[in-house]
Amino acid sequence: MAELKLAVRLDAIPIDTRRPGGLKKALIAAAALRVDAVELCARQTVRPSELSDTGVRQLRKMLDDLNLRVAAIRFQTRRGYDNPSDLERRVDATKQALSFAYRLGAPVVVNQIGRVQPMPQTDGDEETPQPLSPEMQQLQLVLDDLGRYGARVGAVLAAETGSESGPDLESMLRLSDQAFIAAALNPGQLIINRFDVDEAIAALGNRIHLVCAVDGVLDFAAGRGLMVPLGQGTADFPNLLGRLEDLPYRGPFVVGRGDMPDESAMAEIADGISYLRSL
């Protein structure tokens, strides 16, 4: 397999990037891990509305000096695009994140798009599918809008896996035939929600533009799933890499997760990078 393109989720590094000098310190910590790129959070790390053109130029120079690029912008909204509450504001903010991604040279904006309901089955006639629910019709309209906007500004929205099966997500994304929405494969999220990772890769295929290198395990005693360090869960990463190679996938693998404990975050990130490099 070709050498992996490794990136670090910057908001997983236990440095407060909102404090003076914090962003530079976090980027230096990421560069010390010898990765190619970082994933920036547009809600916590850098906010598009607060960064002027001069600020963008300064950030890009900082990245260049550290030999880093921006693999993706993470823009995790509190609600999905299927939820009508404050939807217009949420869509506008996502468009701002897409424009911001382009300004930083990032090709992808990652978000969970909302809970995708299973697609309705046809009623005995393959040419006459059953209508979508109102929530799914709304979601389709929003994805169409965001897909067209992304094509105009030069960055693509990637729907992060986990809230539904890979086939259900692909069926939803396929409805937008005039606008492209990518996928961000998160094996850990799929596992803790009891979905099949191989099935998701097969269904989403070339839509996968980013891999969130996250592992997970089902804790049957607790009755829930847990995120765990890479290589300690049930995600079969050697097999996963082989499946992605067959697509072929050439995008980044982003190490780090949002719920990492501060006291062990850097060690876990470093171990995760070493684990992926060893495969």
C-alpha atoms as a PDB file:
ATOM      1  CA  MET A   1       0.000   0.000   0.000  1.00  0.00           C
ATOM      2  CA  ALA A   2       1.138   3.565  -0.681  1.00  0.00           C
ATOM      3  CA  GLU A   3       2.515   5.483   2.294  1.00  0.00           C
ATOM      4  CA  LEU A   4      -0.312   6.696   4.507  1.00  0.00           C
ATOM      5  CA  LYS A   5      -1.122  10.377   4.655  1.00  0.00           C
ATOM      6  CA  LEU A   6      -1.397  11.005   8.385  1.00  0.00           C
ATOM      7  CA  ALA A   7      -3.036  13.978  10.059  1.00  0.00           C
ATOM      8  CA  VAL A   8      -3.848  14.983  13.633  1.00  0.00           C
ATOM      9  CA  ARG A   9      -7.146  16.315  14.875  1.00  0.00           C
ATOM     10  CA  LEU A  10      -5.892  19.526  16.476  1.00  0.00           C
ATOM     11  CA  ASP A  11      -8.711  19.844  19.013  1.00  0.00           C
ATOM     12  CA  ALA A  12      -7.615  16.467  20.438  1.00  0.00           C
ATOM     13  CA  ILE A  13      -4.289  18.002  21.515  1.00  0.00           C
ATOM     14  CA  PRO A  14      -4.638  19.257  25.105  1.00  0.00           C
ATOM     15  CA  ILE A  15      -3.634  22.851  24.408  1.00  0.00           C
ATOM     16  CA  ASP A  16      -6.138  25.710  24.615  1.00  0.00           C
ATOM     17  CA  THR A  17      -5.945  27.216  21.146  1.00  0.00           C
ATOM     18  CA  ARG A  18      -8.180  30.127  22.178  1.00  0.00           C
ATOM     19  CA  ARG A  19      -5.500  31.516  24.486  1.00  0.00           C
ATOM     20  CA  PRO A  20      -2.762  33.807  23.090  1.00  0.00           C
ATOM     21  CA  GLY A  21      -0.151  31.674  21.368  1.00  0.00           C
ATOM     22  CA  GLY A  22      -2.180  28.517  21.931  1.00  0.00           C
ATOM     23  CA  LEU A  23      -2.824  27.768  18.267  1.00  0.00           C
ATOM     24  CA  LYS A  24       0.867  28.008  17.408  1.00  0.00           C
ATOM     25  CA  LYS A  25       1.763  25.742  20.346  1.00  0.00           C
ATOM     26  CA  ALA A  26      -0.780  23.153  19.216  1.00  0.00           C
ATOM     27  CA  LEU A  27       0.531  23.247  15.642  1.00  0.00           C
ATOM     28  CA  ILE A  28       4.113  22.837  16.878  1.00  0.00           C
ATOM     29  CA  ALA A  29       2.984  19.825  18.942  1.00  0.00           C
ATOM     30  CA  ALA A  30       1.323  18.349  15.846  1.00  0.00           C
ATOM     31  CA  ALA A  31       4.397  18.934  13.697  1.00  0.00           C
ATOM     32  CA  ALA A  32       6.544  17.175  16.316  1.00  0.00           C
ATOM     33  CA  LEU A  33       4.510  14.021  15.632  1.00  0.00           C
ATOM     34  CA  ARG A  34       5.852  14.060  12.041  1.00  0.00           C
ATOM     35  CA  VAL A  35       2.447  14.065  10.375  1.00  0.00           C
ATOM     36  CA  ASP A  36       1.560  15.590   7.028  1.00  0.00           C
ATOM     37  CA  ALA A  37      -1.427  17.645   8.061  1.00  0.00           C
ATOM     38  CA  VAL A  38      -3.923  18.728  10.711  1.00  0.00           C
ATOM     39  CA  GLU A  39      -7.683  18.793  10.977  1.00  0.00           C
ATOM     40  CA  LEU A  40      -8.865  22.151  12.328  1.00  0.00           C
ATOM     41  CA  CYS A  41     -12.116  22.630  14.219  1.00  0.00           C
ATOM     42  CA  ALA A  42     -14.010  25.679  12.948  1.00  0.00           C
ATOM     43  CA  ARG A  43     -15.996  25.877  16.185  1.00  0.00           C
ATOM     44  CA  GLN A  44     -13.244  25.622  18.799  1.00  0.00           C
ATOM     45  CA  THR A  45      -9.812  25.984  17.199  1.00  0.00           C
ATOM     46  CA  VAL A  46     -10.324  28.753  14.647  1.00  0.00           C
ATOM     47  CA  ARG A  47     -13.635  30.431  13.911  1.00  0.00           C
ATOM     48  CA  PRO A  48     -14.100  31.650  10.324  1.00  0.00           C
ATOM     49  CA  SER A  49     -16.002  34.758  11.441  1.00  0.00           C
ATOM     50  CA  GLU A  50     -13.096  35.840  13.660  1.00  0.00           C
ATOM     51  CA  LEU A  51     -10.272  35.354  11.165  1.00  0.00           C
ATOM     52  CA  SER A  52      -9.586  38.214   8.764  1.00  0.00           C
ATOM     53  CA  ASP A  53      -7.782  37.850   5.452  1.00  0.00           C
ATOM     54  CA  THR A  54      -4.607  38.873   7.260  1.00  0.00           C
ATOM     55  CA  GLY A  55      -5.274  36.220   9.894  1.00  0.00           C
ATOM     56  CA  VAL A  56      -5.733  33.572   7.212  1.00  0.00           C
ATOM     57  CA  ARG A  57      -2.423  34.558   5.602  1.00  0.00           C
ATOM     58  CA  GLN A  58      -0.670  34.393   8.976  1.00  0.00           C
ATOM     59  CA  LEU A  59      -2.146  30.963   9.684  1.00  0.00           C
ATOM     60  CA  ARG A  60      -1.120  29.650   6.280  1.00  0.00           C
ATOM     61  CA  LYS A  61       2.428  30.941   6.814  1.00  0.00           C
ATOM     62  CA  MET A  62       2.524  29.274  10.238  1.00  0.00           C
ATOM     63  CA  LEU A  63       1.454  26.001   8.632  1.00  0.00           C
ATOM     64  CA  ASP A  64       3.995  26.351   5.818  1.00  0.00           C
ATOM     65  CA  ASP A  65       6.807  27.045   8.282  1.00  0.00           C
ATOM     66  CA  LEU A  66       5.939  23.805  10.103  1.00  0.00           C
ATOM     67  CA  ASN A  67       5.565  21.870   6.832  1.00  0.00           C
ATOM     68  CA  LEU A  68       1.899  21.178   7.568  1.00  0.00           C
ATOM     69  CA  ARG A  69      -1.237  21.485   5.503  1.00  0.00           C
ATOM     70  CA  VAL A  70      -4.907  21.453   6.475  1.00  0.00           C
ATOM     71  CA  ALA A  71      -6.403  18.063   5.669  1.00  0.00           C
ATOM     72  CA  ALA A  72      -9.925  19.067   6.662  1.00  0.00           C
ATOM     73  CA  ILE A  73     -12.060  21.510   8.582  1.00  0.00           C
ATOM     74  CA  ARG A  74     -14.298  19.946  11.230  1.00  0.00           C
ATOM     75  CA  PHE A  75     -17.567  21.835  11.640  1.00  0.00           C
ATOM     76  CA  GLN A  76     -19.693  19.834  14.036  1.00  0.00           C
ATOM     77  CA  THR A  77     -23.137  21.436  14.319  1.00  0.00           C
ATOM     78  CA  ARG A  78     -25.222  20.836  17.438  1.00  0.00           C
ATOM     79  CA  ARG A  79     -28.113  19.570  15.333  1.00  0.00           C
ATOM     80  CA  GLY A  80     -28.275  17.807  12.005  1.00  0.00           C
ATOM     81  CA  TYR A  81     -29.684  19.246   8.808  1.00  0.00           C
ATOM     82  CA  ASP A  82     -32.804  17.157   9.304  1.00  0.00           C
ATOM     83  CA  ASN A  83     -33.753  19.303  12.318  1.00  0.00           C
ATOM     84  CA  PRO A  84     -35.721  22.438  11.343  1.00  0.00           C
ATOM     85  CA  SER A  85     -34.717  24.417  14.451  1.00  0.00           C
ATOM     86  CA  ASP A  86     -32.411  27.311  13.384  1.00  0.00           C
ATOM     87  CA  LEU A  87     -31.782  25.438  10.144  1.00  0.00           C
ATOM     88  CA  GLU A  88     -31.113  28.486   7.982  1.00  0.00           C
ATOM     89  CA  ARG A  89     -28.475  29.776  10.395  1.00  0.00           C
ATOM     90  CA  ARG A  90     -26.878  26.307  10.524  1.00  0.00           C
ATOM     91  CA  VAL A  91     -26.749  26.060   6.737  1.00  0.00           C
ATOM     92  CA  ASP A  92     -25.268  29.556   6.413  1.00  0.00           C
ATOM     93  CA  ALA A  93     -22.605  28.721   8.990  1.00  0.00           C
ATOM     94  CA  THR A  94     -21.739  25.519   7.099  1.00  0.00           C
ATOM     95  CA  LYS A  95     -21.346  27.512   3.892  1.00  0.00           C
ATOM     96  CA  GLN A  96     -19.032  29.859   5.754  1.00  0.00           C
ATOM     97  CA  ALA A  97     -16.997  26.844   6.871  1.00  0.00           C
ATOM     98  CA  LEU A  98     -16.795  25.592   3.265  1.00  0.00           C
ATOM     99  CA  SER A  99     -15.502  28.971   2.085  1.00  0.00           C
ATOM    100  CA  PHE A 100     -13.064  29.038   4.994  1.00  0.00           C
ATOM    101  CA  ALA A 101     -11.787  25.571   4.077  1.00  0.00           C
ATOM    102  CA  TYR A 102     -11.018  26.742   0.554  1.00  0.00           C
ATOM    103  CA  ARG A 103      -9.131  29.782   1.892  1.00  0.00           C
ATOM    104  CA  LEU A 104      -6.917  27.451   3.940  1.00  0.00           C
ATOM    105  CA  GLY A 105      -6.404  24.986   1.107  1.00  0.00           C
ATOM    106  CA  ALA A 106      -8.486  22.278   2.778  1.00  0.00           C
ATOM    107  CA  PRO A 107     -10.571  20.144   0.389  1.00  0.00           C
ATOM    108  CA  VAL A 108     -13.065  18.794   2.942  1.00  0.00           C
ATOM    109  CA  VAL A 109     -15.446  19.990   5.673  1.00  0.00           C
ATOM    110  CA  VAL A 110     -16.546  17.226   8.051  1.00  0.00           C
ATOM    111  CA  ASN A 111     -19.897  17.144   9.845  1.00  0.00           C
ATOM    112  CA  GLN A 112     -22.506  14.609  10.887  1.00  0.00           C
ATOM    113  CA  ILE A 113     -25.439  15.558   8.696  1.00  0.00           C
ATOM    114  CA  GLY A 114     -28.173  14.261  11.021  1.00  0.00           C
ATOM    115  CA  ARG A 115     -29.959  11.002  11.556  1.00  0.00           C
ATOM    116  CA  VAL A 116     -30.617   9.356   8.208  1.00  0.00           C
ATOM    117  CA  GLN A 117     -33.728   7.203   8.182  1.00  0.00           C
ATOM    118  CA  PRO A 118     -33.690   3.972   6.154  1.00  0.00           C
ATOM    119  CA  MET A 119     -34.750   4.648   2.595  1.00  0.00           C
ATOM    120  CA  PRO A 120     -38.368   3.608   1.865  1.00  0.00           C
ATOM    121  CA  GLN A 121     -38.718   0.435  -0.162  1.00  0.00           C
ATOM    122  CA  THR A 122     -40.370   0.336  -3.545  1.00  0.00           C
ATOM    123  CA  ASP A 123     -43.929  -0.950  -3.648  1.00  0.00           C
ATOM    124  CA  GLY A 124     -43.449  -3.789  -6.105  1.00  0.00           C
ATOM    125  CA  ASP A 125     -42.546  -1.373  -8.903  1.00  0.00           C
ATOM    126  CA  GLU A 126     -38.857  -0.482  -9.178  1.00  0.00           C
ATOM    127  CA  GLU A 127     -39.781   2.664 -11.090  1.00  0.00           C
ATOM    128  CA  THR A 128     -42.026   4.016  -8.339  1.00  0.00           C
ATOM    129  CA  PRO A 129     -40.150   4.418  -5.032  1.00  0.00           C
ATOM    130  CA  GLN A 130     -42.107   5.372  -1.932  1.00  0.00           C
ATOM    131  CA  PRO A 131     -41.871   9.056  -0.936  1.00  0.00           C
ATOM    132  CA  LEU A 132     -39.346  10.230   1.631  1.00  0.00           C
ATOM    133  CA  SER A 133     -40.434  11.419   5.045  1.00  0.00           C
ATOM    134  CA  PRO A 134     -40.638  15.224   5.510  1.00  0.00           C
ATOM    135  CA  GLU A 135     -37.380  15.149   7.516  1.00  0.00           C
ATOM    136  CA  MET A 136     -35.538  13.285   4.772  1.00  0.00           C
ATOM    137  CA  GLN A 137     -36.961  15.563   2.065  1.00  0.00           C
ATOM    138  CA  GLN A 138     -35.638  18.528   4.026  1.00  0.00           C
ATOM    139  CA  LEU A 139     -32.271  16.855   4.483  1.00  0.00           C
ATOM    140  CA  GLN A 140     -32.035  16.162   0.764  1.00  0.00           C
ATOM    141  CA  LEU A 141     -32.773  19.805  -0.089  1.00  0.00           C
ATOM    142  CA  VAL A 142     -30.101  21.017   2.315  1.00  0.00           C
ATOM    143  CA  LEU A 143     -27.511  18.572   0.999  1.00  0.00           C
ATOM    144  CA  ASP A 144     -28.313  19.621  -2.569  1.00  0.00           C
ATOM    145  CA  ASP A 145     -27.765  23.249  -1.563  1.00  0.00           C
ATOM    146  CA  LEU A 146     -24.529  22.574   0.316  1.00  0.00           C
ATOM    147  CA  GLY A 147     -23.227  20.316  -2.443  1.00  0.00           C
ATOM    148  CA  ARG A 148     -23.754  22.990  -5.083  1.00  0.00           C
ATOM    149  CA  TYR A 149     -22.231  25.659  -2.851  1.00  0.00           C
ATOM    150  CA  GLY A 150     -19.190  23.496  -2.158  1.00  0.00           C
ATOM    151  CA  ALA A 151     -18.649  22.972  -5.880  1.00  0.00           C
ATOM    152  CA  ARG A 152     -18.680  26.753  -6.374  1.00  0.00           C
ATOM    153  CA  VAL A 153     -16.200  27.574  -3.606  1.00  0.00           C
ATOM    154  CA  GLY A 154     -13.890  24.577  -4.061  1.00  0.00           C
ATOM    155  CA  ALA A 155     -14.450  22.458  -0.935  1.00  0.00           C
ATOM    156  CA  VAL A 156     -16.721  19.476  -0.368  1.00  0.00           C
ATOM    157  CA  LEU A 157     -18.912  18.582   2.602  1.00  0.00           C
ATOM    158  CA  ALA A 158     -18.168  15.097   3.962  1.00  0.00           C
ATOM    159  CA  ALA A 159     -20.860  13.327   5.987  1.00  0.00           C
ATOM    160  CA  GLU A 160     -19.269  11.508   8.926  1.00  0.00           C
ATOM    161  CA  THR A 161     -20.422   7.940   9.389  1.00  0.00           C
ATOM    162  CA  GLY A 162     -21.844   6.528  12.586  1.00  0.00           C
ATOM    163  CA  SER A 163     -25.460   7.556  13.079  1.00  0.00           C
ATOM    164  CA  GLU A 164     -26.707   5.100  10.446  1.00  0.00           C
ATOM    165  CA  SER A 165     -25.388   2.208   8.405  1.00  0.00           C
ATOM    166  CA  GLY A 166     -23.106   2.844   5.452  1.00  0.00           C
ATOM    167  CA  PRO A 167     -25.726   1.664   2.923  1.00  0.00           C
ATOM    168  CA  ASP A 168     -28.397   3.959   4.409  1.00  0.00           C
ATOM    169  CA  LEU A 169     -26.018   6.931   4.299  1.00  0.00           C
ATOM    170  CA  GLU A 170     -25.029   6.165   0.715  1.00  0.00           C
ATOM    171  CA  SER A 171     -28.688   5.883  -0.306  1.00  0.00           C
ATOM    172  CA  MET A 172     -29.311   9.341   1.131  1.00  0.00           C
ATOM    173  CA  LEU A 173     -26.278  10.912  -0.512  1.00  0.00           C
ATOM    174  CA  ARG A 174     -27.116   9.296  -3.856  1.00  0.00           C
ATOM    175  CA  LEU A 175     -30.383  11.245  -3.997  1.00  0.00           C
ATOM    176  CA  SER A 176     -28.395  14.417  -4.633  1.00  0.00           C
ATOM    177  CA  ASP A 177     -27.679  13.659  -8.266  1.00  0.00           C
ATOM    178  CA  GLN A 178     -26.821  17.263  -9.154  1.00  0.00           C
ATOM    179  CA  ALA A 179     -24.579  17.960  -6.151  1.00  0.00           C
ATOM    180  CA  PHE A 180     -21.803  15.880  -4.616  1.00  0.00           C
ATOM    181  CA  ILE A 181     -21.555  15.127  -0.907  1.00  0.00           C
ATOM    182  CA  ALA A 182     -18.574  13.053   0.231  1.00  0.00           C
ATOM    183  CA  ALA A 183     -18.223  10.755   3.242  1.00  0.00           C
ATOM    184  CA  ALA A 184     -15.825  10.725   6.191  1.00  0.00           C
ATOM    185  CA  LEU A 185     -15.373   7.126   7.349  1.00  0.00           C
ATOM    186  CA  ASN A 186     -15.298   6.796  11.149  1.00  0.00           C
ATOM    187  CA  PRO A 187     -14.901   3.098  12.020  1.00  0.00           C
ATOM    188  CA  GLY A 188     -15.149   3.701  15.759  1.00  0.00           C
ATOM    189  CA  GLN A 189     -18.473   5.501  15.478  1.00  0.00           C
ATOM    190  CA  LEU A 190     -19.842   2.722  13.303  1.00  0.00           C
ATOM    191  CA  ILE A 191     -18.757   0.072  15.791  1.00  0.00           C
ATOM    192  CA  ILE A 192     -20.224   1.715  18.897  1.00  0.00           C
ATOM    193  CA  ASN A 193     -23.519   2.168  17.064  1.00  0.00           C
ATOM    194  CA  ARG A 194     -23.456  -1.503  15.979  1.00  0.00           C
ATOM    195  CA  PHE A 195     -22.941  -0.965  12.262  1.00  0.00           C
ATOM    196  CA  ASP A 196     -20.615  -2.926   9.983  1.00  0.00           C
ATOM    197  CA  VAL A 197     -17.414  -1.155   8.860  1.00  0.00           C
ATOM    198  CA  ASP A 198     -16.767  -3.371   5.819  1.00  0.00           C
ATOM    199  CA  GLU A 199     -20.350  -2.852   4.691  1.00  0.00           C
ATOM    200  CA  ALA A 200     -19.906   0.922   4.970  1.00  0.00           C
ATOM    201  CA  ILE A 201     -16.710   0.886   2.893  1.00  0.00           C
ATOM    202  CA  ALA A 202     -18.372  -1.236   0.216  1.00  0.00           C
ATOM    203  CA  ALA A 203     -21.418   1.028   0.064  1.00  0.00           C
ATOM    204  CA  LEU A 204     -19.685   4.423   0.204  1.00  0.00           C
ATOM    205  CA  GLY A 205     -16.720   3.508  -1.999  1.00  0.00           C
ATOM    206  CA  ASN A 206     -15.217   6.493  -3.780  1.00  0.00           C
ATOM    207  CA  ARG A 207     -17.331   8.904  -1.743  1.00  0.00           C
ATOM    208  CA  ILE A 208     -14.877   8.373   1.115  1.00  0.00           C
ATOM    209  CA  HIS A 209     -12.643  11.450   1.104  1.00  0.00           C
ATOM    210  CA  LEU A 210     -11.332  11.221   4.670  1.00  0.00           C
ATOM    211  CA  VAL A 211     -10.858   8.528   7.311  1.00  0.00           C
ATOM    212  CA  CYS A 212     -11.259   9.375  10.992  1.00  0.00           C
ATOM    213  CA  ALA A 213      -8.776   6.896  12.463  1.00  0.00           C
ATOM    214  CA  VAL A 214     -10.875   6.020  15.509  1.00  0.00           C
ATOM    215  CA  ASP A 215     -11.350   2.614  17.134  1.00  0.00           C
ATOM    216  CA  GLY A 216     -14.274   1.369  19.184  1.00  0.00           C
ATOM    217  CA  VAL A 217     -15.576  -1.574  21.148  1.00  0.00           C
ATOM    218  CA  LEU A 218     -18.935  -2.726  22.438  1.00  0.00           C
ATOM    219  CA  ASP A 219     -19.089  -2.948  26.231  1.00  0.00           C
ATOM    220  CA  PHE A 220     -21.846  -5.498  26.684  1.00  0.00           C
ATOM    221  CA  ALA A 221     -21.681  -5.227  30.477  1.00  0.00           C
ATOM    222  CA  ALA A 222     -22.364  -1.500  30.299  1.00  0.00           C
ATOM    223  CA  GLY A 223     -24.739  -1.894  27.364  1.00  0.00           C
ATOM    224  CA  ARG A 224     -23.012   0.704  25.218  1.00  0.00           C
ATOM    225  CA  GLY A 225     -20.114   1.299  22.886  1.00  0.00           C
ATOM    226  CA  LEU A 226     -16.839   2.964  23.830  1.00  0.00           C
ATOM    227  CA  MET A 227     -14.142   4.786  21.892  1.00  0.00           C
ATOM    228  CA  VAL A 228     -10.741   3.245  22.620  1.00  0.00           C
ATOM    229  CA  PRO A 229      -7.126   3.820  21.488  1.00  0.00           C
ATOM    230  CA  LEU A 230      -6.255   2.645  17.986  1.00  0.00           C
ATOM    231  CA  GLY A 231      -5.567  -1.069  17.835  1.00  0.00           C
ATOM    232  CA  GLN A 232      -7.360  -1.793  21.115  1.00  0.00           C
ATOM    233  CA  GLY A 233     -10.885  -2.042  19.705  1.00  0.00           C
ATOM    234  CA  THR A 234     -12.627  -4.241  17.196  1.00  0.00           C
ATOM    235  CA  ALA A 235     -11.878  -2.162  14.094  1.00  0.00           C
ATOM    236  CA  ASP A 236      -9.753  -4.397  11.854  1.00  0.00           C
ATOM    237  CA  PHE A 237      -7.418  -1.712  10.538  1.00  0.00           C
ATOM    238  CA  PRO A 238      -5.175  -4.031   8.491  1.00  0.00           C
ATOM    239  CA  ASN A 239      -8.258  -5.260   6.634  1.00  0.00           C
ATOM    240  CA  LEU A 240      -9.672  -1.724   6.473  1.00  0.00           C
ATOM    241  CA  LEU A 241      -6.501  -0.416   4.829  1.00  0.00           C
ATOM    242  CA  GLY A 242      -6.642  -3.198   2.293  1.00  0.00           C
ATOM    243  CA  ARG A 243     -10.259  -2.473   1.470  1.00  0.00           C
ATOM    244  CA  LEU A 244      -9.504   1.226   1.037  1.00  0.00           C
ATOM    245  CA  GLU A 245      -6.468   0.456  -1.125  1.00  0.00           C
ATOM    246  CA  ASP A 246      -8.733  -1.443  -3.495  1.00  0.00           C
ATOM    247  CA  LEU A 247     -10.990   1.606  -4.068  1.00  0.00           C
ATOM    248  CA  PRO A 248      -8.327   3.189  -4.360  1.00  0.00           C
ATOM    249  CA  TYR A 249      -8.346   5.652  -1.428  1.00  0.00           C
ATOM    250  CA  ARG A 250      -5.554   8.244  -1.298  1.00  0.00           C
ATOM    251  CA  GLY A 251      -6.911  10.630   1.326  1.00  0.00           C
ATOM    252  CA  PRO A 252      -5.763  11.369   4.881  1.00  0.00           C
ATOM    253  CA  PHE A 253      -6.124   9.304   8.045  1.00  0.00           C
ATOM    254  CA  VAL A 254      -6.919  11.708  10.892  1.00  0.00           C
ATOM    255  CA  VAL A 255      -5.755  10.522  14.321  1.00  0.00           C
ATOM    256  CA  GLY A 256      -7.453  11.840  17.463  1.00  0.00           C
ATOM    257  CA  ARG A 257     -10.951  11.954  18.877  1.00  0.00           C
ATOM    258  CA  GLY A 258     -13.047  14.545  20.610  1.00  0.00           C
ATOM    259  CA  ASP A 259     -13.385  12.702  23.931  1.00  0.00           C
ATOM    260  CA  MET A 260      -9.713  12.049  24.661  1.00  0.00           C
ATOM    261  CA  PRO A 261      -8.640  12.607  28.288  1.00  0.00           C
ATOM    262  CA  ASP A 262      -6.116  15.450  28.558  1.00  0.00           C
ATOM    263  CA  GLU A 263      -3.638  13.537  30.690  1.00  0.00           C
ATOM    264  CA  SER A 264      -3.123  10.804  28.100  1.00  0.00           C
ATOM    265  CA  ALA A 265      -4.095  12.516  24.841  1.00  0.00           C
ATOM    266  CA  MET A 266      -0.629  13.143  23.421  1.00  0.00           C
ATOM    267  CA  ALA A 267       0.570   9.645  24.257  1.00  0.00           C
ATOM    268  CA  GLU A 268      -2.525   8.105  22.682  1.00  0.00           C
ATOM    269  CA  ILE A 269      -2.159  10.201  19.532  1.00  0.00           C
ATOM    270  CA  ALA A 270       1.529   9.301  19.216  1.00  0.00           C
ATOM    271  CA  ASP A 271       0.757   5.606  19.782  1.00  0.00           C
ATOM    272  CA  GLY A 272      -2.032   5.765  17.183  1.00  0.00           C
ATOM    273  CA  ILE A 273       0.304   7.263  14.602  1.00  0.00           C
ATOM    274  CA  SER A 274       2.934   4.596  15.339  1.00  0.00           C
ATOM    275  CA  TYR A 275       0.278   1.903  15.062  1.00  0.00           C
ATOM    276  CA  LEU A 276      -0.864   3.050  11.623  1.00  0.00           C
ATOM    277  CA  ARG A 277       2.723   3.393  10.398  1.00  0.00           C
ATOM    278  CA  SER A 278       3.412  -0.172  11.476  1.00  0.00           C
ATOM    279  CA  LEU A 279       0.644  -1.658   9.310  1.00  0.00           C
END
